[in-house]
Amino acid sequence: MTTGPGGKGLDYLRDDLFPIGAMASIPPDGHGVTLSNLLDGQVERAKADRSAIVIAFGEFFQDPGRDQAFDFAPKGACTTSI
């Protein structure tokens, strides 16, 4: 996929959309400002606004379960052996 001006994709490192050095990590869950809280707030605002438009994108991902090398399974992953 071609990125950059006139391209179909976004490349946050090369498209100069914002200063990369100003980015900060946001924890996924917990207390205070988290990714979950930010997304929940935006979803609630969209639900309350009849003229809101929500655009979601991504790819389907199915968690394969427990990692063989690290013996780790994400929360909610199916860990049953067949």
PDB file of N, CA and C in Angstrom:
ATOM      1  N   MET A   1       0.847  -1.174   0.000  1.00  0.00           N
ATOM      2  CA  MET A   1       0.000   0.000   0.000  1.00  0.00           C
ATOM      3  C   MET A   1       0.895   1.241   0.000  1.00  0.00           C
ATOM      4  N   THR A   2       0.566   2.205  -0.819  1.00  0.00           N
ATOM      5  CA  THR A   2       1.318   3.451  -0.901  1.00  0.00           C
ATOM      6  C   THR A   2       0.883   4.392   0.213  1.00  0.00           C
ATOM      7  N   THR A   3       1.855   4.954   0.920  1.00  0.00           N
ATOM      8  CA  THR A   3       1.540   5.936   1.961  1.00  0.00           C
ATOM      9  C   THR A   3       2.028   7.301   1.506  1.00  0.00           C
ATOM     10  N   GLY A   4       1.798   8.285   2.337  1.00  0.00           N
ATOM     11  CA  GLY A   4       2.240   9.633   1.998  1.00  0.00           C
ATOM     12  C   GLY A   4       1.164  10.389   1.243  1.00  0.00           C
ATOM     13  N   PRO A   5       1.471  11.636   0.841  1.00  0.00           N
ATOM     14  CA  PRO A   5       0.484  12.432   0.110  1.00  0.00           C
ATOM     15  C   PRO A   5      -0.015  11.699  -1.127  1.00  0.00           C
ATOM     16  N   GLY A   6      -1.312  11.578  -1.256  1.00  0.00           N
ATOM     17  CA  GLY A   6      -1.898  10.876  -2.397  1.00  0.00           C
ATOM     18  C   GLY A   6      -1.944   9.371  -2.226  1.00  0.00           C
ATOM     19  N   GLY A   7      -1.371   8.848  -1.149  1.00  0.00           N
ATOM     20  CA  GLY A   7      -1.377   7.406  -0.910  1.00  0.00           C
ATOM     21  C   GLY A   7      -2.647   6.970  -0.225  1.00  0.00           C
ATOM     22  N   LYS A   8      -2.818   5.664  -0.097  1.00  0.00           N
ATOM     23  CA  LYS A   8      -4.035   5.117   0.505  1.00  0.00           C
ATOM     24  C   LYS A   8      -3.891   4.842   1.988  1.00  0.00           C
ATOM     25  N   GLY A   9      -2.670   4.810   2.495  1.00  0.00           N
ATOM     26  CA  GLY A   9      -2.472   4.465   3.895  1.00  0.00           C
ATOM     27  C   GLY A   9      -1.796   5.585   4.661  1.00  0.00           C
ATOM     28  N   LEU A  10      -1.859   5.510   5.972  1.00  0.00           N
ATOM     29  CA  LEU A  10      -1.181   6.469   6.833  1.00  0.00           C
ATOM     30  C   LEU A  10       0.117   5.854   7.325  1.00  0.00           C
ATOM     31  N   ASP A  11       1.152   6.646   7.352  1.00  0.00           N
ATOM     32  CA  ASP A  11       2.422   6.219   7.915  1.00  0.00           C
ATOM     33  C   ASP A  11       2.800   7.289   8.929  1.00  0.00           C
ATOM     34  N   TYR A  12       2.567   7.002  10.187  1.00  0.00           N
ATOM     35  CA  TYR A  12       2.772   8.004  11.231  1.00  0.00           C
ATOM     36  C   TYR A  12       4.221   8.466  11.315  1.00  0.00           C
ATOM     37  N   LEU A  13       5.172   7.631  10.931  1.00  0.00           N
ATOM     38  CA  LEU A  13       6.571   8.016  11.001  1.00  0.00           C
ATOM     39  C   LEU A  13       7.005   8.872   9.825  1.00  0.00           C
ATOM     40  N   ARG A  14       6.472   8.618   8.640  1.00  0.00           N
ATOM     41  CA  ARG A  14       6.956   9.293   7.435  1.00  0.00           C
ATOM     42  C   ARG A  14       6.028  10.379   6.887  1.00  0.00           C
ATOM     43  N   ASP A  15       4.764  10.405   7.292  1.00  0.00           N
ATOM     44  CA  ASP A  15       3.816  11.361   6.724  1.00  0.00           C
ATOM     45  C   ASP A  15       3.814  12.715   7.433  1.00  0.00           C
ATOM     46  N   ASP A  16       4.627  12.858   8.492  1.00  0.00           N
ATOM     47  CA  ASP A  16       4.752  14.132   9.196  1.00  0.00           C
ATOM     48  C   ASP A  16       3.391  14.678   9.630  1.00  0.00           C
ATOM     49  N   LEU A  17       2.559  13.801  10.220  1.00  0.00           N
ATOM     50  CA  LEU A  17       1.226  14.195  10.660  1.00  0.00           C
ATOM     51  C   LEU A  17       1.261  14.989  11.962  1.00  0.00           C
ATOM     52  N   PHE A  18       2.221  14.694  12.817  1.00  0.00           N
ATOM     53  CA  PHE A  18       2.386  15.368  14.099  1.00  0.00           C
ATOM     54  C   PHE A  18       3.789  15.032  14.599  1.00  0.00           C
ATOM     55  N   PRO A  19       4.309  15.784  15.567  1.00  0.00           N
ATOM     56  CA  PRO A  19       5.657  15.503  16.058  1.00  0.00           C
ATOM     57  C   PRO A  19       5.697  14.175  16.830  1.00  0.00           C
ATOM     58  N   ILE A  20       6.383  13.202  16.280  1.00  0.00           N
ATOM     59  CA  ILE A  20       6.466  11.874  16.904  1.00  0.00           C
ATOM     60  C   ILE A  20       7.046  11.970  18.317  1.00  0.00           C
ATOM     61  N   GLY A  21       7.999  12.872  18.523  1.00  0.00           N
ATOM     62  CA  GLY A  21       8.615  13.032  19.839  1.00  0.00           C
ATOM     63  C   GLY A  21       7.652  13.501  20.912  1.00  0.00           C
ATOM     64  N   ALA A  22       6.514  14.065  20.506  1.00  0.00           N
ATOM     65  CA  ALA A  22       5.513  14.544  21.468  1.00  0.00           C
ATOM     66  C   ALA A  22       4.567  13.430  21.903  1.00  0.00           C
ATOM     67  N   MET A  23       4.692  12.243  21.299  1.00  0.00           N
ATOM     68  CA  MET A  23       3.803  11.133  21.659  1.00  0.00           C
ATOM     69  C   MET A  23       4.170  10.584  23.039  1.00  0.00           C
ATOM     70  N   ALA A  24       3.170  10.076  23.749  1.00  0.00           N
ATOM     71  CA  ALA A  24       3.379   9.460  25.057  1.00  0.00           C
ATOM     72  C   ALA A  24       2.550   8.183  25.127  1.00  0.00           C
ATOM     73  N   SER A  25       3.052   7.219  25.836  1.00  0.00           N
ATOM     74  CA  SER A  25       2.317   5.963  26.021  1.00  0.00           C
ATOM     75  C   SER A  25       1.090   6.204  26.885  1.00  0.00           C
ATOM     76  N   ILE A  26       0.006   5.510  26.547  1.00  0.00           N
ATOM     77  CA  ILE A  26      -1.215   5.562  27.347  1.00  0.00           C
ATOM     78  C   ILE A  26      -1.482   4.131  27.796  1.00  0.00           C
ATOM     79  N   PRO A  27      -1.558   3.901  29.108  1.00  0.00           N
ATOM     80  CA  PRO A  27      -1.831   2.541  29.562  1.00  0.00           C
ATOM     81  C   PRO A  27      -3.207   2.082  29.092  1.00  0.00           C
ATOM     82  N   PRO A  28      -3.353   0.783  28.749  1.00  0.00           N
ATOM     83  CA  PRO A  28      -4.635   0.296  28.247  1.00  0.00           C
ATOM     84  C   PRO A  28      -5.737   0.304  29.301  1.00  0.00           C
ATOM     85  N   ASP A  29      -5.397   0.028  30.541  1.00  0.00           N
ATOM     86  CA  ASP A  29      -6.385  -0.053  31.618  1.00  0.00           C
ATOM     87  C   ASP A  29      -5.788   0.472  32.909  1.00  0.00           C
ATOM     88  N   GLY A  30      -6.632   0.727  33.879  1.00  0.00           N
ATOM     89  CA  GLY A  30      -6.172   1.191  35.175  1.00  0.00           C
ATOM     90  C   GLY A  30      -6.934   2.423  35.599  1.00  0.00           C
ATOM     91  N   HIS A  31      -6.265   3.287  36.343  1.00  0.00           N
ATOM     92  CA  HIS A  31      -6.882   4.513  36.860  1.00  0.00           C
ATOM     93  C   HIS A  31      -6.350   5.709  36.098  1.00  0.00           C
ATOM     94  N   GLY A  32      -7.119   6.774  36.044  1.00  0.00           N
ATOM     95  CA  GLY A  32      -6.689   7.997  35.384  1.00  0.00           C
ATOM     96  C   GLY A  32      -6.895   7.930  33.884  1.00  0.00           C
ATOM     97  N   VAL A  33      -6.006   8.567  33.133  1.00  0.00           N
ATOM     98  CA  VAL A  33      -6.111   8.602  31.683  1.00  0.00           C
ATOM     99  C   VAL A  33      -5.595   7.275  31.125  1.00  0.00           C
ATOM    100  N   THR A  34      -6.514   6.508  30.553  1.00  0.00           N
ATOM    101  CA  THR A  34      -6.149   5.233  29.931  1.00  0.00           C
ATOM    102  C   THR A  34      -6.797   5.163  28.555  1.00  0.00           C
ATOM    103  N   LEU A  35      -6.299   4.290  27.724  1.00  0.00           N
ATOM    104  CA  LEU A  35      -6.874   4.112  26.393  1.00  0.00           C
ATOM    105  C   LEU A  35      -8.339   3.709  26.508  1.00  0.00           C
ATOM    106  N   SER A  36      -8.640   2.823  27.434  1.00  0.00           N
ATOM    107  CA  SER A  36     -10.013   2.376  27.634  1.00  0.00           C
ATOM    108  C   SER A  36     -10.918   3.550  28.005  1.00  0.00           C
ATOM    109  N   ASN A  37     -10.476   4.399  28.932  1.00  0.00           N
ATOM    110  CA  ASN A  37     -11.280   5.553  29.352  1.00  0.00           C
ATOM    111  C   ASN A  37     -11.480   6.533  28.204  1.00  0.00           C
ATOM    112  N   LEU A  38     -10.427   6.788  27.421  1.00  0.00           N
ATOM    113  CA  LEU A  38     -10.544   7.720  26.297  1.00  0.00           C
ATOM    114  C   LEU A  38     -11.533   7.204  25.257  1.00  0.00           C
ATOM    115  N   LEU A  39     -11.425   5.923  24.923  1.00  0.00           N
ATOM    116  CA  LEU A  39     -12.345   5.347  23.937  1.00  0.00           C
ATOM    117  C   LEU A  39     -13.768   5.315  24.459  1.00  0.00           C
ATOM    118  N   ASP A  40     -13.946   4.913  25.710  1.00  0.00           N
ATOM    119  CA  ASP A  40     -15.287   4.879  26.293  1.00  0.00           C
ATOM    120  C   ASP A  40     -15.932   6.261  26.260  1.00  0.00           C
ATOM    121  N   GLY A  41     -15.164   7.292  26.592  1.00  0.00           N
ATOM    122  CA  GLY A  41     -15.692   8.655  26.576  1.00  0.00           C
ATOM    123  C   GLY A  41     -16.147   9.073  25.182  1.00  0.00           C
ATOM    124  N   GLN A  42     -15.351   8.734  24.158  1.00  0.00           N
ATOM    125  CA  GLN A  42     -15.718   9.088  22.790  1.00  0.00           C
ATOM    126  C   GLN A  42     -16.951   8.317  22.326  1.00  0.00           C
ATOM    127  N   VAL A  43     -17.051   7.056  22.696  1.00  0.00           N
ATOM    128  CA  VAL A  43     -18.220   6.250  22.325  1.00  0.00           C
ATOM    129  C   VAL A  43     -19.477   6.821  22.976  1.00  0.00           C
ATOM    130  N   GLU A  44     -19.395   7.185  24.236  1.00  0.00           N
ATOM    131  CA  GLU A  44     -20.555   7.758  24.927  1.00  0.00           C
ATOM    132  C   GLU A  44     -20.978   9.082  24.290  1.00  0.00           C
ATOM    133  N   ARG A  45     -20.004   9.912  23.896  1.00  0.00           N
ATOM    134  CA  ARG A  45     -20.342  11.176  23.219  1.00  0.00           C
ATOM    135  C   ARG A  45     -21.052  10.897  21.902  1.00  0.00           C
ATOM    136  N   ALA A  46     -20.554   9.913  21.137  1.00  0.00           N
ATOM    137  CA  ALA A  46     -21.164   9.578  19.844  1.00  0.00           C
ATOM    138  C   ALA A  46     -22.578   9.035  20.032  1.00  0.00           C
ATOM    139  N   LYS A  47     -22.792   8.225  21.072  1.00  0.00           N
ATOM    140  CA  LYS A  47     -24.121   7.671  21.321  1.00  0.00           C
ATOM    141  C   LYS A  47     -25.129   8.771  21.661  1.00  0.00           C
ATOM    142  N   ALA A  48     -24.658   9.844  22.309  1.00  0.00           N
ATOM    143  CA  ALA A  48     -25.547  10.931  22.716  1.00  0.00           C
ATOM    144  C   ALA A  48     -25.812  11.924  21.580  1.00  0.00           C
ATOM    145  N   ASP A  49     -25.035  11.852  20.507  1.00  0.00           N
ATOM    146  CA  ASP A  49     -25.150  12.808  19.397  1.00  0.00           C
ATOM    147  C   ASP A  49     -25.716  12.091  18.178  1.00  0.00           C
ATOM    148  N   ARG A  50     -26.986  12.372  17.833  1.00  0.00           N
ATOM    149  CA  ARG A  50     -27.655  11.704  16.712  1.00  0.00           C
ATOM    150  C   ARG A  50     -26.963  11.949  15.370  1.00  0.00           C
ATOM    151  N   SER A  51     -26.178  13.032  15.265  1.00  0.00           N
ATOM    152  CA  SER A  51     -25.507  13.332  13.999  1.00  0.00           C
ATOM    153  C   SER A  51     -24.066  12.810  13.958  1.00  0.00           C
ATOM    154  N   ALA A  52     -23.650  12.106  15.004  1.00  0.00           N
ATOM    155  CA  ALA A  52     -22.276  11.593  15.052  1.00  0.00           C
ATOM    156  C   ALA A  52     -22.070  10.498  14.010  1.00  0.00           C
ATOM    157  N   ILE A  53     -20.876  10.465  13.471  1.00  0.00           N
ATOM    158  CA  ILE A  53     -20.478   9.415  12.538  1.00  0.00           C
ATOM    159  C   ILE A  53     -19.296   8.694  13.150  1.00  0.00           C
ATOM    160  N   VAL A  54     -19.375   7.388  13.241  1.00  0.00           N
ATOM    161  CA  VAL A  54     -18.301   6.589  13.805  1.00  0.00           C
ATOM    162  C   VAL A  54     -17.671   5.781  12.685  1.00  0.00           C
ATOM    163  N   ILE A  55     -16.355   5.877  12.584  1.00  0.00           N
ATOM    164  CA  ILE A  55     -15.620   5.121  11.580  1.00  0.00           C
ATOM    165  C   ILE A  55     -14.620   4.233  12.319  1.00  0.00           C
ATOM    166  N   ALA A  56     -14.695   2.947  12.092  1.00  0.00           N
ATOM    167  CA  ALA A  56     -13.769   2.006  12.715  1.00  0.00           C
ATOM    168  C   ALA A  56     -13.055   1.237  11.620  1.00  0.00           C
ATOM    169  N   PHE A  57     -11.793   0.968  11.839  1.00  0.00           N
ATOM    170  CA  PHE A  57     -11.053   0.211  10.848  1.00  0.00           C
ATOM    171  C   PHE A  57     -10.070  -0.706  11.552  1.00  0.00           C
ATOM    172  N   GLY A  58      -9.637  -1.693  10.862  1.00  0.00           N
ATOM    173  CA  GLY A  58      -8.689  -2.654  11.411  1.00  0.00           C
ATOM    174  C   GLY A  58      -8.834  -3.970  10.699  1.00  0.00           C
ATOM    175  N   GLU A  59      -8.191  -4.962  11.240  1.00  0.00           N
ATOM    176  CA  GLU A  59      -8.254  -6.294  10.664  1.00  0.00           C
ATOM    177  C   GLU A  59      -8.746  -7.266  11.725  1.00  0.00           C
ATOM    178  N   PHE A  60      -9.432  -8.306  11.285  1.00  0.00           N
ATOM    179  CA  PHE A  60      -9.889  -9.339  12.197  1.00  0.00           C
ATOM    180  C   PHE A  60      -8.684 -10.031  12.817  1.00  0.00           C
ATOM    181  N   PHE A  61      -8.744 -10.259  14.103  1.00  0.00           N
ATOM    182  CA  PHE A  61      -7.667 -10.966  14.805  1.00  0.00           C
ATOM    183  C   PHE A  61      -8.293 -11.960  15.753  1.00  0.00           C
ATOM    184  N   GLN A  62      -7.868 -13.180  15.654  1.00  0.00           N
ATOM    185  CA  GLN A  62      -8.326 -14.190  16.595  1.00  0.00           C
ATOM    186  C   GLN A  62      -7.125 -14.653  17.388  1.00  0.00           C
ATOM    187  N   ASP A  63      -7.196 -14.468  18.693  1.00  0.00           N
ATOM    188  CA  ASP A  63      -6.086 -14.844  19.548  1.00  0.00           C
ATOM    189  C   ASP A  63      -5.862 -16.344  19.469  1.00  0.00           C
ATOM    190  N   PRO A  64      -4.641 -16.771  19.194  1.00  0.00           N
ATOM    191  CA  PRO A  64      -4.372 -18.203  19.067  1.00  0.00           C
ATOM    192  C   PRO A  64      -4.335 -18.940  20.403  1.00  0.00           C
ATOM    193  N   GLY A  65      -4.431 -18.220  21.515  1.00  0.00           N
ATOM    194  CA  GLY A  65      -4.406 -18.882  22.819  1.00  0.00           C
ATOM    195  C   GLY A  65      -3.047 -18.758  23.481  1.00  0.00           C
ATOM    196  N   ARG A  66      -2.700 -19.723  24.287  1.00  0.00           N
ATOM    197  CA  ARG A  66      -1.460 -19.687  25.058  1.00  0.00           C
ATOM    198  C   ARG A  66      -0.241 -19.746  24.148  1.00  0.00           C
ATOM    199  N   ASP A  67       0.705 -18.824  24.372  1.00  0.00           N
ATOM    200  CA  ASP A  67       1.948 -18.784  23.611  1.00  0.00           C
ATOM    201  C   ASP A  67       2.851 -19.924  24.078  1.00  0.00           C
ATOM    202  N   GLN A  68       3.329 -20.707  23.138  1.00  0.00           N
ATOM    203  CA  GLN A  68       4.150 -21.871  23.476  1.00  0.00           C
ATOM    204  C   GLN A  68       5.506 -21.460  24.057  1.00  0.00           C
ATOM    205  N   ALA A  69       6.118 -20.414  23.517  1.00  0.00           N
ATOM    206  CA  ALA A  69       7.456 -20.009  23.958  1.00  0.00           C
ATOM    207  C   ALA A  69       7.442 -19.345  25.329  1.00  0.00           C
ATOM    208  N   PHE A  70       6.456 -18.475  25.588  1.00  0.00           N
ATOM    209  CA  PHE A  70       6.442 -17.694  26.817  1.00  0.00           C
ATOM    210  C   PHE A  70       5.440 -18.210  27.844  1.00  0.00           C
ATOM    211  N   ASP A  71       4.678 -19.252  27.490  1.00  0.00           N
ATOM    212  CA  ASP A  71       3.673 -19.825  28.378  1.00  0.00           C
ATOM    213  C   ASP A  71       2.771 -18.739  28.949  1.00  0.00           C
ATOM    214  N   PHE A  72       2.241 -17.897  28.051  1.00  0.00           N
ATOM    215  CA  PHE A  72       1.403 -16.774  28.437  1.00  0.00           C
ATOM    216  C   PHE A  72       0.148 -16.778  27.582  1.00  0.00           C
ATOM    217  N   ALA A  73      -1.002 -16.478  28.196  1.00  0.00           N
ATOM    218  CA  ALA A  73      -2.253 -16.357  27.453  1.00  0.00           C
ATOM    219  C   ALA A  73      -2.910 -15.037  27.843  1.00  0.00           C
ATOM    220  N   PRO A  74      -3.258 -14.205  26.865  1.00  0.00           N
ATOM    221  CA  PRO A  74      -3.957 -12.958  27.179  1.00  0.00           C
ATOM    222  C   PRO A  74      -5.270 -13.224  27.902  1.00  0.00           C
ATOM    223  N   LYS A  75      -5.701 -12.285  28.716  1.00  0.00           N
ATOM    224  CA  LYS A  75      -6.955 -12.395  29.450  1.00  0.00           C
ATOM    225  C   LYS A  75      -8.090 -12.681  28.486  1.00  0.00           C
ATOM    226  N   GLY A  76      -8.862 -13.703  28.743  1.00  0.00           N
ATOM    227  CA  GLY A  76     -10.002 -14.038  27.909  1.00  0.00           C
ATOM    228  C   GLY A  76      -9.654 -14.969  26.747  1.00  0.00           C
ATOM    229  N   ALA A  77      -8.366 -15.301  26.584  1.00  0.00           N
ATOM    230  CA  ALA A  77      -7.985 -16.177  25.474  1.00  0.00           C
ATOM    231  C   ALA A  77      -8.381 -17.617  25.770  1.00  0.00           C
ATOM    232  N   CYS A  78      -8.719 -18.328  24.749  1.00  0.00           N
ATOM    233  CA  CYS A  78      -9.029 -19.739  24.901  1.00  0.00           C
ATOM    234  C   CYS A  78      -7.728 -20.497  25.116  1.00  0.00           C
ATOM    235  N   THR A  79      -7.644 -21.220  26.219  1.00  0.00           N
ATOM    236  CA  THR A  79      -6.389 -21.914  26.518  1.00  0.00           C
ATOM    237  C   THR A  79      -6.567 -23.429  26.570  1.00  0.00           C
ATOM    238  N   THR A  80      -7.682 -23.920  26.079  1.00  0.00           N
ATOM    239  CA  THR A  80      -7.906 -25.363  26.109  1.00  0.00           C
ATOM    240  C   THR A  80      -7.109 -26.048  25.010  1.00  0.00           C
ATOM    241  N   SER A  81      -6.564 -27.188  25.325  1.00  0.00           N
ATOM    242  CA  SER A  81      -5.814 -27.977  24.343  1.00  0.00           C
ATOM    243  C   SER A  81      -6.771 -28.963  23.662  1.00  0.00           C
ATOM    244  N   ILE A  82      -6.498 -29.223  22.421  1.00  0.00           N
ATOM    245  CA  ILE A  82      -7.320 -30.189  21.687  1.00  0.00           C
ATOM    246  C   ILE A  82      -6.512 -31.442  21.478  1.00  0.00           C
TER     247      ILE A  82
END
